[in-house]
Amino acid sequence: IEEIRVFKAARPKQSAPLLANERGAPMTAAMLR
């Protein structure tokens, strides 16, 4: 979770969800599956 926070902090805020893909878009249930 800390790695994700650091990763997200270094990029423009595009997504509020904790889980996001490499481009910062929210990760859907299908993507996680």
Full PDB file with SEQRES, HELIX, SHEET, SSBOND, CRYST1, ORIGX, SCALE, CONECT and MASTER records, all heavy atoms in Angstrom:
SEQRES   1 A   33  ILE GLU GLU ILE ARG VAL PHE LYS ALA ALA ARG PRO LYS          
SEQRES   2 A   33  GLN SER ALA PRO LEU LEU ALA ASN GLU ARG GLY ALA PRO          
SEQRES   3 A   33  MET THR ALA ALA MET LEU ARG                                  
HELIX    1 AA1 GLU A    2  ALA A    9  1                                   8    
HELIX    2 AA2 ALA A   29  LEU A   32  1                                   4    
CRYST1    1.000    1.000    1.000  90.00  90.00  90.00 P 1           1          
ORIGX1      1.000000  0.000000  0.000000        0.00000                         
ORIGX2      0.000000  1.000000  0.000000        0.00000                         
ORIGX3      0.000000  0.000000  1.000000        0.00000                         
SCALE1      1.000000  0.000000  0.000000        0.00000                         
SCALE2      0.000000  1.000000  0.000000        0.00000                         
SCALE3      0.000000  0.000000  1.000000        0.00000                         
ATOM      1  N   ILE A   1       0.836  -1.202   0.000  1.00  0.00           N  
ATOM      2  CA  ILE A   1       0.000   0.000   0.000  1.00  0.00           C  
ATOM      3  C   ILE A   1       0.872   1.252   0.000  1.00  0.00           C  
ATOM      4  O   ILE A   1       0.587   2.223  -0.703  1.00  0.00           O  
ATOM      5  CB  ILE A   1      -0.994  -0.014   1.175  1.00  0.00           C  
ATOM      6  CG1 ILE A   1      -2.053  -1.092   0.927  1.00  0.00           C  
ATOM      7  CG2 ILE A   1      -1.641   1.350   1.371  1.00  0.00           C  
ATOM      8  CD1 ILE A   1      -2.991  -1.329   2.082  1.00  0.00           C  
ATOM      9  N   GLU A   2       1.964   1.226   0.737  1.00  0.00           N  
ATOM     10  CA  GLU A   2       2.878   2.378   0.747  1.00  0.00           C  
ATOM     11  C   GLU A   2       3.516   2.572  -0.623  1.00  0.00           C  
ATOM     12  O   GLU A   2       3.645   3.702  -1.106  1.00  0.00           O  
ATOM     13  CB  GLU A   2       3.944   2.218   1.830  1.00  0.00           C  
ATOM     14  CG  GLU A   2       4.847   3.419   1.954  1.00  0.00           C  
ATOM     15  CD  GLU A   2       4.105   4.731   2.233  1.00  0.00           C  
ATOM     16  OE1 GLU A   2       3.040   4.710   2.881  1.00  0.00           O  
ATOM     17  OE2 GLU A   2       4.593   5.787   1.796  1.00  0.00           O  
ATOM     18  N   GLU A   3       3.902   1.474  -1.272  1.00  0.00           N  
ATOM     19  CA  GLU A   3       4.460   1.566  -2.628  1.00  0.00           C  
ATOM     20  C   GLU A   3       3.434   2.170  -3.587  1.00  0.00           C  
ATOM     21  O   GLU A   3       3.779   2.987  -4.438  1.00  0.00           O  
ATOM     22  CB  GLU A   3       4.883   0.190  -3.127  1.00  0.00           C  
ATOM     23  CG  GLU A   3       6.153  -0.326  -2.511  1.00  0.00           C  
ATOM     24  CD  GLU A   3       6.525  -1.709  -3.045  1.00  0.00           C  
ATOM     25  OE1 GLU A   3       6.234  -2.009  -4.218  1.00  0.00           O  
ATOM     26  OE2 GLU A   3       7.106  -2.486  -2.268  1.00  0.00           O  
ATOM     27  N   ILE A   4       2.184   1.772  -3.457  1.00  0.00           N  
ATOM     28  CA  ILE A   4       1.121   2.308  -4.308  1.00  0.00           C  
ATOM     29  C   ILE A   4       0.963   3.802  -4.054  1.00  0.00           C  
ATOM     30  O   ILE A   4       0.831   4.592  -4.994  1.00  0.00           O  
ATOM     31  CB  ILE A   4      -0.211   1.555  -4.069  1.00  0.00           C  
ATOM     32  CG1 ILE A   4      -0.099   0.118  -4.583  1.00  0.00           C  
ATOM     33  CG2 ILE A   4      -1.372   2.284  -4.739  1.00  0.00           C  
ATOM     34  CD1 ILE A   4      -1.245  -0.786  -4.159  1.00  0.00           C  
ATOM     35  N   ARG A   5       0.982   4.209  -2.787  1.00  0.00           N  
ATOM     36  CA  ARG A   5       0.853   5.634  -2.452  1.00  0.00           C  
ATOM     37  C   ARG A   5       1.987   6.453  -3.071  1.00  0.00           C  
ATOM     38  O   ARG A   5       1.759   7.523  -3.622  1.00  0.00           O  
ATOM     39  CB  ARG A   5       0.812   5.828  -0.943  1.00  0.00           C  
ATOM     40  CG  ARG A   5      -0.483   5.417  -0.322  1.00  0.00           C  
ATOM     41  CD  ARG A   5      -0.492   5.742   1.158  1.00  0.00           C  
ATOM     42  NE  ARG A   5      -1.783   5.371   1.717  1.00  0.00           N  
ATOM     43  CZ  ARG A   5      -1.945   4.767   2.864  1.00  0.00           C  
ATOM     44  NH1 ARG A   5      -0.898   4.479   3.620  1.00  0.00           N  
ATOM     45  NH2 ARG A   5      -3.145   4.463   3.303  1.00  0.00           N  
ATOM     46  N   VAL A   6       3.212   5.946  -2.965  1.00  0.00           N  
ATOM     47  CA  VAL A   6       4.375   6.643  -3.532  1.00  0.00           C  
ATOM     48  C   VAL A   6       4.234   6.718  -5.050  1.00  0.00           C  
ATOM     49  O   VAL A   6       4.461   7.766  -5.664  1.00  0.00           O  
ATOM     50  CB  VAL A   6       5.694   5.942  -3.125  1.00  0.00           C  
ATOM     51  CG1 VAL A   6       6.875   6.478  -3.913  1.00  0.00           C  
ATOM     52  CG2 VAL A   6       5.921   6.085  -1.633  1.00  0.00           C  
ATOM     53  N   PHE A   7       3.848   5.612  -5.661  1.00  0.00           N  
ATOM     54  CA  PHE A   7       3.653   5.553  -7.109  1.00  0.00           C  
ATOM     55  C   PHE A   7       2.622   6.582  -7.559  1.00  0.00           C  
ATOM     56  O   PHE A   7       2.839   7.336  -8.495  1.00  0.00           O  
ATOM     57  CB  PHE A   7       3.211   4.134  -7.511  1.00  0.00           C  
ATOM     58  CG  PHE A   7       2.891   3.976  -8.969  1.00  0.00           C  
ATOM     59  CD1 PHE A   7       3.893   3.730  -9.890  1.00  0.00           C  
ATOM     60  CD2 PHE A   7       1.575   4.061  -9.419  1.00  0.00           C  
ATOM     61  CE1 PHE A   7       3.598   3.572 -11.235  1.00  0.00           C  
ATOM     62  CE2 PHE A   7       1.267   3.907 -10.760  1.00  0.00           C  
ATOM     63  CZ  PHE A   7       2.286   3.657 -11.679  1.00  0.00           C  
ATOM     64  N   LYS A   8       1.498   6.621  -6.849  1.00  0.00           N  
ATOM     65  CA  LYS A   8       0.421   7.549  -7.216  1.00  0.00           C  
ATOM     66  C   LYS A   8       0.805   9.000  -6.958  1.00  0.00           C  
ATOM     67  O   LYS A   8       0.418   9.890  -7.706  1.00  0.00           O  
ATOM     68  CB  LYS A   8      -0.859   7.191  -6.465  1.00  0.00           C  
ATOM     69  CG  LYS A   8      -1.478   5.884  -6.975  1.00  0.00           C  
ATOM     70  CD  LYS A   8      -2.724   5.541  -6.220  1.00  0.00           C  
ATOM     71  CE  LYS A   8      -3.819   6.477  -6.642  1.00  0.00           C  
ATOM     72  NZ  LYS A   8      -5.131   6.121  -6.123  1.00  0.00           N  
ATOM     73  N   ALA A   9       1.585   9.245  -5.898  1.00  0.00           N  
ATOM     74  CA  ALA A   9       1.988  10.610  -5.570  1.00  0.00           C  
ATOM     75  C   ALA A   9       2.909  11.188  -6.640  1.00  0.00           C  
ATOM     76  O   ALA A   9       2.948  12.407  -6.851  1.00  0.00           O  
ATOM     77  CB  ALA A   9       2.678  10.645  -4.212  1.00  0.00           C  
ATOM     78  N   ALA A  10       3.639  10.339  -7.335  1.00  0.00           N  
ATOM     79  CA  ALA A  10       4.582  10.789  -8.349  1.00  0.00           C  
ATOM     80  C   ALA A  10       3.920  11.060  -9.696  1.00  0.00           C  
ATOM     81  O   ALA A  10       4.569  11.525 -10.623  1.00  0.00           O  
ATOM     82  CB  ALA A  10       5.685   9.746  -8.522  1.00  0.00           C  
ATOM     83  N   ARG A  11       2.640  10.802  -9.796  1.00  0.00           N  
ATOM     84  CA  ARG A  11       1.919  10.983 -11.062  1.00  0.00           C  
ATOM     85  C   ARG A  11       0.765  11.965 -10.882  1.00  0.00           C  
ATOM     86  O   ARG A  11       0.283  12.174  -9.779  1.00  0.00           O  
ATOM     87  CB  ARG A  11       1.389   9.636 -11.539  1.00  0.00           C  
ATOM     88  CG  ARG A  11       2.509   8.820 -12.145  1.00  0.00           C  
ATOM     89  CD  ARG A  11       2.262   7.336 -12.024  1.00  0.00           C  
ATOM     90  NE  ARG A  11       3.395   6.582 -12.498  1.00  0.00           N  
ATOM     91  CZ  ARG A  11       4.528   6.415 -11.826  1.00  0.00           C  
ATOM     92  NH1 ARG A  11       4.690   6.972 -10.666  1.00  0.00           N  
ATOM     93  NH2 ARG A  11       5.518   5.705 -12.307  1.00  0.00           N  
ATOM     94  N   PRO A  12       0.339  12.530 -12.008  1.00  0.00           N  
ATOM     95  CA  PRO A  12      -0.823  13.434 -11.907  1.00  0.00           C  
ATOM     96  C   PRO A  12      -2.027  12.686 -11.350  1.00  0.00           C  
ATOM     97  O   PRO A  12      -2.218  11.507 -11.633  1.00  0.00           O  
ATOM     98  CB  PRO A  12      -1.090  13.846 -13.353  1.00  0.00           C  
ATOM     99  CG  PRO A  12       0.105  13.450 -14.133  1.00  0.00           C  
ATOM    100  CD  PRO A  12       0.824  12.390 -13.359  1.00  0.00           C  
ATOM    101  N   LYS A  13      -2.789  13.363 -10.529  1.00  0.00           N  
ATOM    102  CA  LYS A  13      -3.951  12.728  -9.910  1.00  0.00           C  
ATOM    103  C   LYS A  13      -5.021  12.498 -10.967  1.00  0.00           C  
ATOM    104  O   LYS A  13      -5.619  13.426 -11.477  1.00  0.00           O  
ATOM    105  CB  LYS A  13      -4.496  13.588  -8.778  1.00  0.00           C  
ATOM    106  CG  LYS A  13      -5.518  12.874  -7.956  1.00  0.00           C  
ATOM    107  CD  LYS A  13      -5.800  13.591  -6.676  1.00  0.00           C  
ATOM    108  CE  LYS A  13      -6.709  12.737  -5.832  1.00  0.00           C  
ATOM    109  NZ  LYS A  13      -6.905  13.309  -4.535  1.00  0.00           N  
ATOM    110  N   GLN A  14      -5.233  11.239 -11.283  1.00  0.00           N  
ATOM    111  CA  GLN A  14      -6.239  10.857 -12.268  1.00  0.00           C  
ATOM    112  C   GLN A  14      -7.311   9.976 -11.648  1.00  0.00           C  
ATOM    113  O   GLN A  14      -8.374   9.837 -12.179  1.00  0.00           O  
ATOM    114  CB  GLN A  14      -5.596  10.075 -13.414  1.00  0.00           C  
ATOM    115  CG  GLN A  14      -4.578  10.857 -14.185  1.00  0.00           C  
ATOM    116  CD  GLN A  14      -3.916   9.988 -15.243  1.00  0.00           C  
ATOM    117  OE1 GLN A  14      -4.196   8.812 -15.381  1.00  0.00           O  
ATOM    118  NE2 GLN A  14      -3.031  10.585 -16.000  1.00  0.00           N  
ATOM    119  N   SER A  15      -6.955   9.385 -10.524  1.00  0.00           N  
ATOM    120  CA  SER A  15      -7.837   8.373  -9.971  1.00  0.00           C  
ATOM    121  C   SER A  15      -7.800   8.410  -8.451  1.00  0.00           C  
ATOM    122  O   SER A  15      -6.743   8.468  -7.847  1.00  0.00           O  
ATOM    123  CB  SER A  15      -7.360   7.000 -10.470  1.00  0.00           C  
ATOM    124  OG  SER A  15      -8.020   5.978  -9.796  1.00  0.00           O  
ATOM    125  N   ALA A  16      -8.959   8.370  -7.826  1.00  0.00           N  
ATOM    126  CA  ALA A  16      -9.037   8.348  -6.372  1.00  0.00           C  
ATOM    127  C   ALA A  16      -8.927   6.934  -5.796  1.00  0.00           C  
ATOM    128  O   ALA A  16      -8.535   6.784  -4.660  1.00  0.00           O  
ATOM    129  CB  ALA A  16     -10.335   8.998  -5.914  1.00  0.00           C  
ATOM    130  N   PRO A  17      -9.254   5.883  -6.550  1.00  0.00           N  
ATOM    131  CA  PRO A  17      -9.203   4.540  -5.979  1.00  0.00           C  
ATOM    132  C   PRO A  17      -7.796   4.125  -5.577  1.00  0.00           C  
ATOM    133  O   PRO A  17      -6.813   4.575  -6.164  1.00  0.00           O  
ATOM    134  CB  PRO A  17      -9.705   3.634  -7.099  1.00  0.00           C  
ATOM    135  CG  PRO A  17     -10.384   4.508  -8.060  1.00  0.00           C  
ATOM    136  CD  PRO A  17      -9.776   5.861  -7.921  1.00  0.00           C  
ATOM    137  N   LEU A  18      -7.713   3.260  -4.601  1.00  0.00           N  
ATOM    138  CA  LEU A  18      -6.423   2.731  -4.159  1.00  0.00           C  
ATOM    139  C   LEU A  18      -5.787   1.889  -5.257  1.00  0.00           C  
ATOM    140  O   LEU A  18      -4.597   1.989  -5.512  1.00  0.00           O  
ATOM    141  CB  LEU A  18      -6.606   1.886  -2.898  1.00  0.00           C  
ATOM    142  CG  LEU A  18      -5.364   1.189  -2.365  1.00  0.00           C  
ATOM    143  CD1 LEU A  18      -4.310   2.219  -1.950  1.00  0.00           C  
ATOM    144  CD2 LEU A  18      -5.719   0.295  -1.198  1.00  0.00           C  
ATOM    145  N   LEU A  19      -6.581   1.069  -5.905  1.00  0.00           N  
ATOM    146  CA  LEU A  19      -6.057   0.203  -6.960  1.00  0.00           C  
ATOM    147  C   LEU A  19      -6.258   0.866  -8.310  1.00  0.00           C  
ATOM    148  O   LEU A  19      -7.373   1.134  -8.726  1.00  0.00           O  
ATOM    149  CB  LEU A  19      -6.747  -1.157  -6.934  1.00  0.00           C  
ATOM    150  CG  LEU A  19      -6.558  -1.968  -5.653  1.00  0.00           C  
ATOM    151  CD1 LEU A  19      -7.347  -3.263  -5.728  1.00  0.00           C  
ATOM    152  CD2 LEU A  19      -5.101  -2.244  -5.396  1.00  0.00           C  
ATOM    153  N   ALA A  20      -5.152   1.103  -8.990  1.00  0.00           N  
ATOM    154  CA  ALA A  20      -5.190   1.723 -10.305  1.00  0.00           C  
ATOM    155  C   ALA A  20      -4.222   0.971 -11.211  1.00  0.00           C  
ATOM    156  O   ALA A  20      -3.260   0.365 -10.741  1.00  0.00           O  
ATOM    157  CB  ALA A  20      -4.794   3.189 -10.205  1.00  0.00           C  
ATOM    158  N   ASN A  21      -4.478   1.046 -12.508  1.00  0.00           N  
ATOM    159  CA  ASN A  21      -3.565   0.381 -13.435  1.00  0.00           C  
ATOM    160  C   ASN A  21      -2.328   1.250 -13.672  1.00  0.00           C  
ATOM    161  O   ASN A  21      -2.172   2.301 -13.043  1.00  0.00           O  
ATOM    162  CB  ASN A  21      -4.280   0.028 -14.749  1.00  0.00           C  
ATOM    163  CG  ASN A  21      -4.686   1.243 -15.551  1.00  0.00           C  
ATOM    164  OD1 ASN A  21      -4.251   2.372 -15.300  1.00  0.00           O  
ATOM    165  ND2 ASN A  21      -5.540   1.024 -16.533  1.00  0.00           N  
ATOM    166  N   GLU A  22      -1.474   0.833 -14.570  1.00  0.00           N  
ATOM    167  CA  GLU A  22      -0.215   1.519 -14.820  1.00  0.00           C  
ATOM    168  C   GLU A  22      -0.401   2.955 -15.321  1.00  0.00           C  
ATOM    169  O   GLU A  22       0.466   3.794 -15.163  1.00  0.00           O  
ATOM    170  CB  GLU A  22       0.626   0.743 -15.847  1.00  0.00           C  
ATOM    171  CG  GLU A  22       1.071  -0.624 -15.370  1.00  0.00           C  
ATOM    172  CD  GLU A  22      -0.018  -1.686 -15.473  1.00  0.00           C  
ATOM    173  OE1 GLU A  22      -1.088  -1.429 -16.064  1.00  0.00           O  
ATOM    174  OE2 GLU A  22       0.186  -2.784 -14.927  1.00  0.00           O  
ATOM    175  N   ARG A  23      -1.545   3.238 -15.921  1.00  0.00           N  
ATOM    176  CA  ARG A  23      -1.811   4.588 -16.431  1.00  0.00           C  
ATOM    177  C   ARG A  23      -2.559   5.453 -15.421  1.00  0.00           C  
ATOM    178  O   ARG A  23      -2.898   6.589 -15.704  1.00  0.00           O  
ATOM    179  CB  ARG A  23      -2.606   4.494 -17.735  1.00  0.00           C  
ATOM    180  CG  ARG A  23      -1.797   3.885 -18.874  1.00  0.00           C  
ATOM    181  CD  ARG A  23      -2.684   3.653 -20.050  1.00  0.00           C  
ATOM    182  NE  ARG A  23      -3.662   2.656 -19.614  1.00  0.00           N  
ATOM    183  CZ  ARG A  23      -4.137   1.692 -20.369  1.00  0.00           C  
ATOM    184  NH1 ARG A  23      -3.779   1.593 -21.607  1.00  0.00           N  
ATOM    185  NH2 ARG A  23      -4.991   0.830 -19.900  1.00  0.00           N  
ATOM    186  N   GLY A  24      -2.868   4.885 -14.253  1.00  0.00           N  
ATOM    187  CA  GLY A  24      -3.562   5.641 -13.220  1.00  0.00           C  
ATOM    188  C   GLY A  24      -5.074   5.522 -13.260  1.00  0.00           C  
ATOM    189  O   GLY A  24      -5.768   6.117 -12.443  1.00  0.00           O  
ATOM    190  N   ALA A  25      -5.599   4.757 -14.198  1.00  0.00           N  
ATOM    191  CA  ALA A  25      -7.050   4.563 -14.296  1.00  0.00           C  
ATOM    192  C   ALA A  25      -7.504   3.562 -13.235  1.00  0.00           C  
ATOM    193  O   ALA A  25      -6.744   2.655 -12.869  1.00  0.00           O  
ATOM    194  CB  ALA A  25      -7.424   4.057 -15.686  1.00  0.00           C  
ATOM    195  N   PRO A  26      -8.725   3.732 -12.714  1.00  0.00           N  
ATOM    196  CA  PRO A  26      -9.223   2.799 -11.693  1.00  0.00           C  
ATOM    197  C   PRO A  26      -9.203   1.358 -12.191  1.00  0.00           C  
ATOM    198  O   PRO A  26      -9.523   1.084 -13.344  1.00  0.00           O  
ATOM    199  CB  PRO A  26     -10.657   3.252 -11.455  1.00  0.00           C  
ATOM    200  CG  PRO A  26     -10.727   4.637 -11.974  1.00  0.00           C  
ATOM    201  CD  PRO A  26      -9.711   4.745 -13.069  1.00  0.00           C  
ATOM    202  N   MET A  27      -8.810   0.451 -11.321  1.00  0.00           N  
ATOM    203  CA  MET A  27      -8.796  -0.961 -11.676  1.00  0.00           C  
ATOM    204  C   MET A  27     -10.177  -1.543 -11.407  1.00  0.00           C  
ATOM    205  O   MET A  27     -10.680  -1.464 -10.300  1.00  0.00           O  
ATOM    206  CB  MET A  27      -7.731  -1.711 -10.880  1.00  0.00           C  
ATOM    207  CG  MET A  27      -7.549  -3.127 -11.377  1.00  0.00           C  
ATOM    208  SD  MET A  27      -6.174  -4.008 -10.613  1.00  0.00           S  
ATOM    209  CE  MET A  27      -4.803  -3.090 -11.244  1.00  0.00           C  
ATOM    210  N   THR A  28     -10.757  -2.121 -12.429  1.00  0.00           N  
ATOM    211  CA  THR A  28     -12.084  -2.722 -12.297  1.00  0.00           C  
ATOM    212  C   THR A  28     -11.957  -4.136 -11.733  1.00  0.00           C  
ATOM    213  O   THR A  28     -10.859  -4.710 -11.686  1.00  0.00           O  
ATOM    214  CB  THR A  28     -12.785  -2.804 -13.666  1.00  0.00           C  
ATOM    215  OG1 THR A  28     -12.035  -3.702 -14.513  1.00  0.00           O  
ATOM    216  CG2 THR A  28     -12.897  -1.438 -14.325  1.00  0.00           C  
ATOM    217  N   ALA A  29     -13.079  -4.687 -11.333  1.00  0.00           N  
ATOM    218  CA  ALA A  29     -13.091  -6.058 -10.816  1.00  0.00           C  
ATOM    219  C   ALA A  29     -12.595  -7.027 -11.887  1.00  0.00           C  
ATOM    220  O   ALA A  29     -11.853  -7.968 -11.590  1.00  0.00           O  
ATOM    221  CB  ALA A  29     -14.495  -6.437 -10.359  1.00  0.00           C  
ATOM    222  N   ALA A  30     -12.981  -6.786 -13.140  1.00  0.00           N  
ATOM    223  CA  ALA A  30     -12.551  -7.661 -14.235  1.00  0.00           C  
ATOM    224  C   ALA A  30     -11.033  -7.588 -14.432  1.00  0.00           C  
ATOM    225  O   ALA A  30     -10.379  -8.613 -14.682  1.00  0.00           O  
ATOM    226  CB  ALA A  30     -13.265  -7.282 -15.523  1.00  0.00           C  
ATOM    227  N   MET A  31     -10.467  -6.393 -14.306  1.00  0.00           N  
ATOM    228  CA  MET A  31      -9.014  -6.235 -14.445  1.00  0.00           C  
ATOM    229  C   MET A  31      -8.294  -6.985 -13.327  1.00  0.00           C  
ATOM    230  O   MET A  31      -7.286  -7.658 -13.565  1.00  0.00           O  
ATOM    231  CB  MET A  31      -8.637  -4.751 -14.402  1.00  0.00           C  
ATOM    232  CG  MET A  31      -9.130  -3.967 -15.598  1.00  0.00           C  
ATOM    233  SD  MET A  31      -9.009  -2.187 -15.320  1.00  0.00           S  
ATOM    234  CE  MET A  31      -7.269  -1.917 -15.558  1.00  0.00           C  
ATOM    235  N   LEU A  32      -8.798  -6.853 -12.111  1.00  0.00           N  
ATOM    236  CA  LEU A  32      -8.189  -7.527 -10.966  1.00  0.00           C  
ATOM    237  C   LEU A  32      -8.289  -9.037 -11.134  1.00  0.00           C  
ATOM    238  O   LEU A  32      -7.324  -9.770 -10.892  1.00  0.00           O  
ATOM    239  CB  LEU A  32      -8.874  -7.072  -9.679  1.00  0.00           C  
ATOM    240  CG  LEU A  32      -8.222  -7.458  -8.378  1.00  0.00           C  
ATOM    241  CD1 LEU A  32      -6.794  -6.928  -8.292  1.00  0.00           C  
ATOM    242  CD2 LEU A  32      -9.038  -6.926  -7.212  1.00  0.00           C  
ATOM    243  N   ARG A  33      -9.444  -9.502 -11.574  1.00  0.00           N  
ATOM    244  CA  ARG A  33      -9.662 -10.936 -11.814  1.00  0.00           C  
ATOM    245  C   ARG A  33      -8.686 -11.460 -12.863  1.00  0.00           C  
ATOM    246  O   ARG A  33      -8.048 -12.494 -12.682  1.00  0.00           O  
ATOM    247  CB  ARG A  33     -11.104 -11.156 -12.268  1.00  0.00           C  
ATOM    248  CG  ARG A  33     -11.368 -12.430 -13.040  1.00  0.00           C  
ATOM    249  CD  ARG A  33     -11.230 -13.688 -12.259  1.00  0.00           C  
ATOM    250  NE  ARG A  33     -12.241 -13.746 -11.249  1.00  0.00           N  
ATOM    251  CZ  ARG A  33     -12.260 -14.676 -10.298  1.00  0.00           C  
ATOM    252  NH1 ARG A  33     -11.327 -15.591 -10.267  1.00  0.00           N  
ATOM    253  NH2 ARG A  33     -13.180 -14.688  -9.396  1.00  0.00           N  
TER     254      ARG A  33                                                      
MASTER        0    0    0    2    0    0    0    6  253    1    0    3          
END                                                                             
